[in-house]
Amino acid sequence: MAADSKDGPELHPATVGLAQGRNYAAITTVLPSGKVQTHPVWIGTDGERLVVNTETHRQKYKNVRRDPSVTLTIRHEENPYRYAEVRGEVVETVTGQEARDHIDELSQKYHDQDYNPDDIKSERVMLWIVPSRQTLVDQIADSI
């Protein structure tokens, strides 16, 4: 098993590659009770930060407004034994037309079509995440 850990806010090139690809992520946030909640999400990046798009009525958004600490695990879809775990925090949120346009970009990336506007129940919001620690894992199934 090959693993590489990195502290600090600079994204590892392998993390950027995973976030740019058609790979799914899981975001873990902290509930008001102190327990954690994990959801599968679409992931993006500007090369310096990671971004997740959600809605303002959802629990994960409420969680990060109270506690910006998150963990993202980005899994390579063709090789699930290759993934990045990113611990960090939400440093910026963006709503409005920019967030609405962004969900269309993500939907195009994952499904080759715009996001269905009928599926929007409140307001779209982009969660920009800066890492504090990243661990990249690349292992083969035979070694497990």
N, C-alpha and C. Protein backbone atom coordinates (compact mmCIF):
# COMPACT_ATOMS: atom_id res chain seq x y z
N MET A 1 0.85 -1.18 0.00
CA MET A 1 0.00 0.00 0.00
C MET A 1 0.89 1.24 0.00
N ALA A 2 0.62 2.14 -0.90
CA ALA A 2 1.34 3.40 -0.95
C ALA A 2 0.45 4.50 -0.39
N ALA A 3 0.98 5.27 0.55
CA ALA A 3 0.23 6.38 1.12
C ALA A 3 1.16 7.58 1.25
N ASP A 4 0.60 8.75 1.07
CA ASP A 4 1.36 9.98 1.16
C ASP A 4 0.52 10.99 1.92
N SER A 5 1.04 11.50 3.04
CA SER A 5 0.30 12.49 3.82
C SER A 5 1.00 13.84 3.69
N LYS A 6 0.19 14.88 3.76
CA LYS A 6 0.70 16.24 3.60
C LYS A 6 -0.10 17.16 4.50
N ASP A 7 0.58 17.96 5.31
CA ASP A 7 -0.07 18.97 6.14
C ASP A 7 -0.04 20.31 5.41
N GLY A 8 -1.00 21.16 5.73
CA GLY A 8 -1.01 22.50 5.18
C GLY A 8 -2.12 22.73 4.18
N PRO A 9 -2.29 23.98 3.76
CA PRO A 9 -3.42 24.35 2.93
C PRO A 9 -3.26 24.10 1.43
N GLU A 10 -2.05 23.76 0.99
CA GLU A 10 -1.85 23.56 -0.45
C GLU A 10 -2.34 22.18 -0.87
N LEU A 11 -3.20 22.15 -1.90
CA LEU A 11 -3.73 20.88 -2.38
C LEU A 11 -2.63 20.03 -3.02
N HIS A 12 -2.61 18.77 -2.70
CA HIS A 12 -1.72 17.80 -3.32
C HIS A 12 -2.16 17.63 -4.78
N PRO A 13 -1.24 17.52 -5.73
CA PRO A 13 -1.62 17.34 -7.13
C PRO A 13 -2.55 16.14 -7.37
N ALA A 14 -2.38 15.07 -6.60
CA ALA A 14 -3.26 13.91 -6.76
C ALA A 14 -4.67 14.23 -6.28
N THR A 15 -4.80 15.05 -5.24
CA THR A 15 -6.12 15.47 -4.76
C THR A 15 -6.81 16.31 -5.83
N VAL A 16 -6.06 17.22 -6.43
CA VAL A 16 -6.62 18.05 -7.51
C VAL A 16 -7.10 17.16 -8.65
N GLY A 17 -6.28 16.18 -9.03
CA GLY A 17 -6.66 15.28 -10.12
C GLY A 17 -7.93 14.50 -9.82
N LEU A 18 -8.04 14.00 -8.59
CA LEU A 18 -9.25 13.28 -8.21
C LEU A 18 -10.47 14.20 -8.23
N ALA A 19 -10.31 15.43 -7.74
CA ALA A 19 -11.44 16.37 -7.69
C ALA A 19 -11.84 16.86 -9.07
N GLN A 20 -10.89 16.91 -10.00
CA GLN A 20 -11.21 17.34 -11.36
C GLN A 20 -11.91 16.24 -12.15
N GLY A 21 -11.66 14.99 -11.79
CA GLY A 21 -12.25 13.87 -12.51
C GLY A 21 -13.70 13.64 -12.14
N ARG A 22 -14.28 12.65 -12.77
CA ARG A 22 -15.69 12.30 -12.52
C ARG A 22 -15.78 11.36 -11.32
N ASN A 23 -15.11 11.74 -10.26
CA ASN A 23 -15.04 10.93 -9.04
C ASN A 23 -15.96 11.52 -7.99
N TYR A 24 -16.60 10.65 -7.23
CA TYR A 24 -17.49 11.08 -6.17
C TYR A 24 -16.71 11.25 -4.87
N ALA A 25 -17.26 12.09 -4.01
CA ALA A 25 -16.67 12.32 -2.70
C ALA A 25 -17.72 12.03 -1.63
N ALA A 26 -17.25 11.93 -0.41
CA ALA A 26 -18.14 11.87 0.75
C ALA A 26 -17.68 12.98 1.67
N ILE A 27 -18.64 13.77 2.14
CA ILE A 27 -18.31 14.85 3.07
C ILE A 27 -18.86 14.50 4.44
N THR A 28 -18.00 14.68 5.44
CA THR A 28 -18.39 14.45 6.82
C THR A 28 -18.39 15.79 7.54
N THR A 29 -19.52 16.07 8.22
CA THR A 29 -19.68 17.30 8.99
C THR A 29 -20.08 16.92 10.41
N VAL A 30 -20.03 17.91 11.30
CA VAL A 30 -20.33 17.67 12.71
C VAL A 30 -21.74 18.18 13.03
N LEU A 31 -22.58 17.27 13.52
CA LEU A 31 -23.95 17.61 13.92
C LEU A 31 -23.95 18.42 15.21
N PRO A 32 -25.06 19.10 15.53
CA PRO A 32 -25.13 19.84 16.79
C PRO A 32 -24.87 18.97 18.02
N SER A 33 -25.18 17.69 17.94
CA SER A 33 -24.95 16.77 19.06
C SER A 33 -23.48 16.40 19.24
N GLY A 34 -22.64 16.76 18.25
CA GLY A 34 -21.23 16.37 18.29
C GLY A 34 -20.96 15.10 17.51
N LYS A 35 -22.02 14.39 17.12
CA LYS A 35 -21.86 13.21 16.27
C LYS A 35 -21.59 13.68 14.85
N VAL A 36 -21.13 12.77 14.00
CA VAL A 36 -20.80 13.16 12.63
C VAL A 36 -21.85 12.64 11.66
N GLN A 37 -21.91 13.30 10.51
CA GLN A 37 -22.84 12.94 9.45
C GLN A 37 -22.04 12.91 8.15
N THR A 38 -22.25 11.87 7.33
CA THR A 38 -21.53 11.75 6.07
C THR A 38 -22.52 11.59 4.93
N HIS A 39 -22.26 12.33 3.84
CA HIS A 39 -23.10 12.27 2.64
C HIS A 39 -22.23 12.16 1.40
N PRO A 40 -22.67 11.39 0.40
CA PRO A 40 -21.98 11.41 -0.89
C PRO A 40 -22.28 12.73 -1.60
N VAL A 41 -21.28 13.28 -2.27
CA VAL A 41 -21.42 14.57 -2.96
C VAL A 41 -20.60 14.59 -4.24
N TRP A 42 -20.97 15.51 -5.11
CA TRP A 42 -20.14 15.86 -6.25
C TRP A 42 -19.06 16.81 -5.74
N ILE A 43 -17.89 16.75 -6.35
CA ILE A 43 -16.75 17.54 -5.88
C ILE A 43 -16.13 18.31 -7.05
N GLY A 44 -15.62 19.47 -6.76
CA GLY A 44 -14.91 20.28 -7.75
C GLY A 44 -13.72 20.94 -7.11
N THR A 45 -12.95 21.65 -7.92
CA THR A 45 -11.78 22.36 -7.42
C THR A 45 -11.42 23.50 -8.36
N ASP A 46 -10.82 24.53 -7.82
CA ASP A 46 -10.24 25.59 -8.63
C ASP A 46 -8.71 25.42 -8.69
N GLY A 47 -8.23 24.27 -8.18
CA GLY A 47 -6.80 24.00 -8.15
C GLY A 47 -6.14 24.39 -6.83
N GLU A 48 -6.80 25.26 -6.08
CA GLU A 48 -6.27 25.71 -4.79
C GLU A 48 -7.16 25.29 -3.63
N ARG A 49 -8.46 25.17 -3.89
CA ARG A 49 -9.43 24.78 -2.88
C ARG A 49 -10.36 23.73 -3.48
N LEU A 50 -11.07 23.03 -2.61
CA LEU A 50 -12.10 22.09 -3.05
C LEU A 50 -13.45 22.77 -2.88
N VAL A 51 -14.43 22.33 -3.67
CA VAL A 51 -15.76 22.94 -3.57
C VAL A 51 -16.84 21.87 -3.67
N VAL A 52 -17.83 22.01 -2.79
CA VAL A 52 -19.02 21.17 -2.77
C VAL A 52 -20.20 22.10 -2.91
N ASN A 53 -21.24 21.66 -3.61
CA ASN A 53 -22.42 22.49 -3.81
C ASN A 53 -23.61 21.79 -3.15
N THR A 54 -24.30 22.50 -2.28
CA THR A 54 -25.45 21.93 -1.58
C THR A 54 -26.57 22.96 -1.56
N GLU A 55 -27.53 22.80 -0.66
CA GLU A 55 -28.61 23.77 -0.51
C GLU A 55 -28.66 24.25 0.93
N THR A 56 -29.18 25.47 1.10
CA THR A 56 -29.15 26.10 2.42
C THR A 56 -30.06 25.42 3.43
N HIS A 57 -31.04 24.65 3.00
CA HIS A 57 -31.92 23.97 3.97
C HIS A 57 -31.35 22.63 4.44
N ARG A 58 -30.29 22.16 3.82
CA ARG A 58 -29.76 20.84 4.16
C ARG A 58 -28.90 20.88 5.42
N GLN A 59 -28.90 19.74 6.12
CA GLN A 59 -28.20 19.66 7.40
C GLN A 59 -26.70 19.91 7.26
N LYS A 60 -26.08 19.43 6.20
CA LYS A 60 -24.63 19.63 6.07
C LYS A 60 -24.28 21.11 6.00
N TYR A 61 -25.14 21.92 5.36
CA TYR A 61 -24.89 23.37 5.32
C TYR A 61 -25.07 23.97 6.72
N LYS A 62 -26.12 23.58 7.41
CA LYS A 62 -26.34 24.07 8.78
C LYS A 62 -25.17 23.67 9.67
N ASN A 63 -24.66 22.46 9.48
CA ASN A 63 -23.53 21.99 10.27
C ASN A 63 -22.29 22.85 10.06
N VAL A 64 -21.93 23.15 8.81
CA VAL A 64 -20.70 23.89 8.56
C VAL A 64 -20.83 25.37 8.91
N ARG A 65 -22.04 25.87 8.97
CA ARG A 65 -22.22 27.25 9.46
C ARG A 65 -21.88 27.33 10.94
N ARG A 66 -22.18 26.27 11.67
CA ARG A 66 -21.91 26.22 13.10
C ARG A 66 -20.46 25.79 13.37
N ASP A 67 -19.99 24.79 12.62
CA ASP A 67 -18.63 24.25 12.79
C ASP A 67 -18.08 23.97 11.39
N PRO A 68 -17.14 24.78 10.91
CA PRO A 68 -16.66 24.64 9.53
C PRO A 68 -15.75 23.43 9.29
N SER A 69 -15.49 22.63 10.30
CA SER A 69 -14.62 21.46 10.14
C SER A 69 -15.30 20.40 9.29
N VAL A 70 -14.57 19.90 8.30
CA VAL A 70 -15.10 18.84 7.42
C VAL A 70 -13.99 17.85 7.11
N THR A 71 -14.41 16.67 6.71
CA THR A 71 -13.50 15.71 6.09
C THR A 71 -14.15 15.29 4.78
N LEU A 72 -13.35 15.29 3.72
CA LEU A 72 -13.78 14.82 2.41
C LEU A 72 -12.97 13.60 2.05
N THR A 73 -13.62 12.60 1.54
CA THR A 73 -12.93 11.46 0.97
C THR A 73 -13.33 11.40 -0.49
N ILE A 74 -12.34 11.54 -1.38
CA ILE A 74 -12.59 11.52 -2.82
C ILE A 74 -12.08 10.18 -3.35
N ARG A 75 -12.98 9.39 -3.90
CA ARG A 75 -12.66 8.03 -4.34
C ARG A 75 -12.55 7.98 -5.86
N HIS A 76 -11.49 7.40 -6.34
CA HIS A 76 -11.33 7.18 -7.78
C HIS A 76 -12.37 6.15 -8.20
N GLU A 77 -13.24 6.50 -9.12
CA GLU A 77 -14.37 5.63 -9.47
C GLU A 77 -13.94 4.34 -10.17
N GLU A 78 -12.85 4.36 -10.90
CA GLU A 78 -12.40 3.14 -11.58
C GLU A 78 -11.50 2.28 -10.71
N ASN A 79 -10.92 2.87 -9.67
CA ASN A 79 -10.06 2.14 -8.75
C ASN A 79 -10.36 2.61 -7.33
N PRO A 80 -11.35 2.00 -6.66
CA PRO A 80 -11.74 2.49 -5.34
C PRO A 80 -10.66 2.34 -4.27
N TYR A 81 -9.56 1.66 -4.60
CA TYR A 81 -8.44 1.56 -3.67
C TYR A 81 -7.50 2.75 -3.79
N ARG A 82 -7.87 3.71 -4.63
CA ARG A 82 -7.12 4.96 -4.78
C ARG A 82 -8.06 6.09 -4.34
N TYR A 83 -7.65 6.80 -3.31
CA TYR A 83 -8.51 7.87 -2.80
C TYR A 83 -7.69 8.91 -2.05
N ALA A 84 -8.33 10.04 -1.81
CA ALA A 84 -7.73 11.10 -1.00
C ALA A 84 -8.67 11.39 0.17
N GLU A 85 -8.09 11.46 1.36
CA GLU A 85 -8.83 11.93 2.52
C GLU A 85 -8.32 13.34 2.82
N VAL A 86 -9.23 14.29 2.86
CA VAL A 86 -8.87 15.68 3.08
C VAL A 86 -9.59 16.18 4.32
N ARG A 87 -8.82 16.56 5.31
CA ARG A 87 -9.39 17.19 6.51
C ARG A 87 -9.15 18.69 6.38
N GLY A 88 -10.17 19.46 6.66
CA GLY A 88 -10.01 20.90 6.53
C GLY A 88 -11.22 21.63 7.04
N GLU A 89 -11.42 22.83 6.49
CA GLU A 89 -12.58 23.59 6.91
C GLU A 89 -13.13 24.42 5.77
N VAL A 90 -14.43 24.69 5.88
CA VAL A 90 -15.11 25.56 4.92
C VAL A 90 -14.69 26.99 5.25
N VAL A 91 -14.05 27.64 4.29
CA VAL A 91 -13.53 28.99 4.52
C VAL A 91 -14.37 30.06 3.84
N GLU A 92 -15.26 29.63 2.93
CA GLU A 92 -16.09 30.59 2.22
C GLU A 92 -17.34 29.89 1.72
N THR A 93 -18.46 30.59 1.74
CA THR A 93 -19.69 30.11 1.13
C THR A 93 -20.13 31.13 0.09
N VAL A 94 -20.68 30.63 -1.01
CA VAL A 94 -21.15 31.50 -2.09
C VAL A 94 -22.55 31.05 -2.48
N THR A 95 -23.49 32.00 -2.51
CA THR A 95 -24.85 31.72 -2.93
C THR A 95 -25.16 32.50 -4.20
N GLY A 96 -26.42 32.56 -4.57
CA GLY A 96 -26.83 33.37 -5.71
C GLY A 96 -26.58 32.66 -7.04
N GLN A 97 -26.49 33.47 -8.09
CA GLN A 97 -26.37 32.93 -9.44
C GLN A 97 -25.08 32.13 -9.63
N GLU A 98 -24.01 32.54 -8.96
CA GLU A 98 -22.74 31.79 -9.09
C GLU A 98 -22.91 30.35 -8.62
N ALA A 99 -23.59 30.17 -7.48
CA ALA A 99 -23.82 28.81 -6.95
C ALA A 99 -24.78 28.05 -7.85
N ARG A 100 -25.78 28.74 -8.39
CA ARG A 100 -26.74 28.09 -9.29
C ARG A 100 -26.05 27.63 -10.57
N ASP A 101 -25.19 28.47 -11.13
CA ASP A 101 -24.43 28.10 -12.33
C ASP A 101 -23.47 26.95 -12.03
N HIS A 102 -22.90 26.96 -10.84
CA HIS A 102 -21.93 25.94 -10.46
C HIS A 102 -22.57 24.55 -10.39
N ILE A 103 -23.80 24.45 -9.89
CA ILE A 103 -24.44 23.13 -9.82
C ILE A 103 -24.70 22.60 -11.23
N ASP A 104 -24.94 23.49 -12.19
CA ASP A 104 -25.06 23.05 -13.59
C ASP A 104 -23.72 22.51 -14.10
N GLU A 105 -22.62 23.18 -13.75
CA GLU A 105 -21.29 22.72 -14.15
C GLU A 105 -21.01 21.32 -13.59
N LEU A 106 -21.32 21.13 -12.31
CA LEU A 106 -21.10 19.82 -11.70
C LEU A 106 -22.00 18.76 -12.34
N SER A 107 -23.24 19.11 -12.61
CA SER A 107 -24.16 18.16 -13.23
C SER A 107 -23.69 17.79 -14.63
N GLN A 108 -23.16 18.75 -15.36
CA GLN A 108 -22.59 18.46 -16.68
C GLN A 108 -21.41 17.49 -16.55
N LYS A 109 -20.56 17.73 -15.55
CA LYS A 109 -19.40 16.88 -15.32
C LYS A 109 -19.81 15.43 -15.03
N TYR A 110 -20.81 15.25 -14.18
CA TYR A 110 -21.20 13.91 -13.75
C TYR A 110 -22.28 13.25 -14.62
N HIS A 111 -23.16 14.07 -15.23
CA HIS A 111 -24.30 13.49 -15.95
C HIS A 111 -24.51 14.04 -17.35
N ASP A 112 -23.60 14.91 -17.81
CA ASP A 112 -23.68 15.47 -19.17
C ASP A 112 -24.97 16.25 -19.44
N GLN A 113 -25.53 16.83 -18.40
CA GLN A 113 -26.72 17.69 -18.58
C GLN A 113 -26.81 18.65 -17.40
N ASP A 114 -27.55 19.75 -17.60
CA ASP A 114 -27.75 20.72 -16.52
C ASP A 114 -28.54 20.09 -15.38
N TYR A 115 -28.41 20.69 -14.21
CA TYR A 115 -29.14 20.24 -13.02
C TYR A 115 -30.61 20.56 -13.20
N ASN A 116 -31.47 19.65 -12.80
CA ASN A 116 -32.91 19.85 -12.92
C ASN A 116 -33.36 20.93 -11.94
N PRO A 117 -33.84 22.07 -12.43
CA PRO A 117 -34.24 23.15 -11.51
C PRO A 117 -35.38 22.75 -10.58
N ASP A 118 -36.19 21.77 -10.97
CA ASP A 118 -37.27 21.31 -10.10
C ASP A 118 -36.75 20.59 -8.86
N ASP A 119 -35.47 20.16 -8.88
CA ASP A 119 -34.87 19.48 -7.74
C ASP A 119 -34.34 20.47 -6.69
N ILE A 120 -34.34 21.75 -6.99
CA ILE A 120 -33.84 22.76 -6.05
C ILE A 120 -34.97 23.15 -5.11
N LYS A 121 -34.78 22.89 -3.82
CA LYS A 121 -35.82 23.13 -2.82
C LYS A 121 -35.61 24.43 -2.04
N SER A 122 -34.39 24.94 -1.99
CA SER A 122 -34.14 26.21 -1.30
C SER A 122 -33.17 27.01 -2.16
N GLU A 123 -31.99 27.31 -1.65
CA GLU A 123 -31.00 28.07 -2.41
C GLU A 123 -29.71 27.27 -2.50
N ARG A 124 -29.10 27.24 -3.69
CA ARG A 124 -27.82 26.56 -3.86
C ARG A 124 -26.74 27.37 -3.15
N VAL A 125 -25.76 26.63 -2.61
CA VAL A 125 -24.64 27.26 -1.91
C VAL A 125 -23.37 26.45 -2.17
N MET A 126 -22.30 27.16 -2.50
CA MET A 126 -21.00 26.55 -2.71
C MET A 126 -20.23 26.60 -1.40
N LEU A 127 -19.64 25.47 -1.02
CA LEU A 127 -18.81 25.39 0.18
C LEU A 127 -17.36 25.25 -0.26
N TRP A 128 -16.57 26.29 -0.09
CA TRP A 128 -15.16 26.26 -0.47
C TRP A 128 -14.34 25.77 0.72
N ILE A 129 -13.54 24.75 0.48
CA ILE A 129 -12.83 24.04 1.55
C ILE A 129 -11.32 24.14 1.33
N VAL A 130 -10.62 24.48 2.41
CA VAL A 130 -9.16 24.52 2.40
C VAL A 130 -8.68 23.40 3.32
N PRO A 131 -7.74 22.57 2.83
CA PRO A 131 -7.26 21.45 3.65
C PRO A 131 -6.30 21.89 4.75
N SER A 132 -6.28 21.11 5.81
CA SER A 132 -5.22 21.23 6.81
C SER A 132 -4.35 19.97 6.78
N ARG A 133 -4.93 18.85 6.32
CA ARG A 133 -4.19 17.59 6.19
C ARG A 133 -4.82 16.77 5.07
N GLN A 134 -3.96 16.15 4.27
CA GLN A 134 -4.40 15.28 3.19
C GLN A 134 -3.64 13.97 3.27
N THR A 135 -4.34 12.89 3.04
CA THR A 135 -3.70 11.59 2.92
C THR A 135 -4.16 10.98 1.61
N LEU A 136 -3.19 10.64 0.77
CA LEU A 136 -3.45 10.01 -0.51
C LEU A 136 -3.10 8.55 -0.40
N VAL A 137 -4.02 7.71 -0.81
CA VAL A 137 -3.81 6.26 -0.73
C VAL A 137 -3.96 5.68 -2.12
N ASP A 138 -3.03 4.81 -2.49
CA ASP A 138 -3.10 4.08 -3.75
C ASP A 138 -2.64 2.66 -3.45
N GLN A 139 -3.59 1.75 -3.36
CA GLN A 139 -3.27 0.36 -3.03
C GLN A 139 -3.99 -0.55 -4.00
N ILE A 140 -3.53 -1.76 -4.10
CA ILE A 140 -4.20 -2.70 -5.00
C ILE A 140 -5.05 -3.66 -4.20
N ALA A 141 -6.09 -4.18 -4.82
CA ALA A 141 -7.04 -5.05 -4.12
C ALA A 141 -6.38 -6.29 -3.55
N ASP A 142 -5.34 -6.80 -4.22
CA ASP A 142 -4.68 -8.03 -3.77
C ASP A 142 -4.00 -7.88 -2.42
N SER A 143 -3.70 -6.65 -2.02
CA SER A 143 -2.97 -6.45 -0.78
C SER A 143 -3.89 -6.33 0.43
N ILE A 144 -5.19 -6.41 0.21
CA ILE A 144 -6.14 -6.26 1.32
C ILE A 144 -6.52 -7.60 1.89
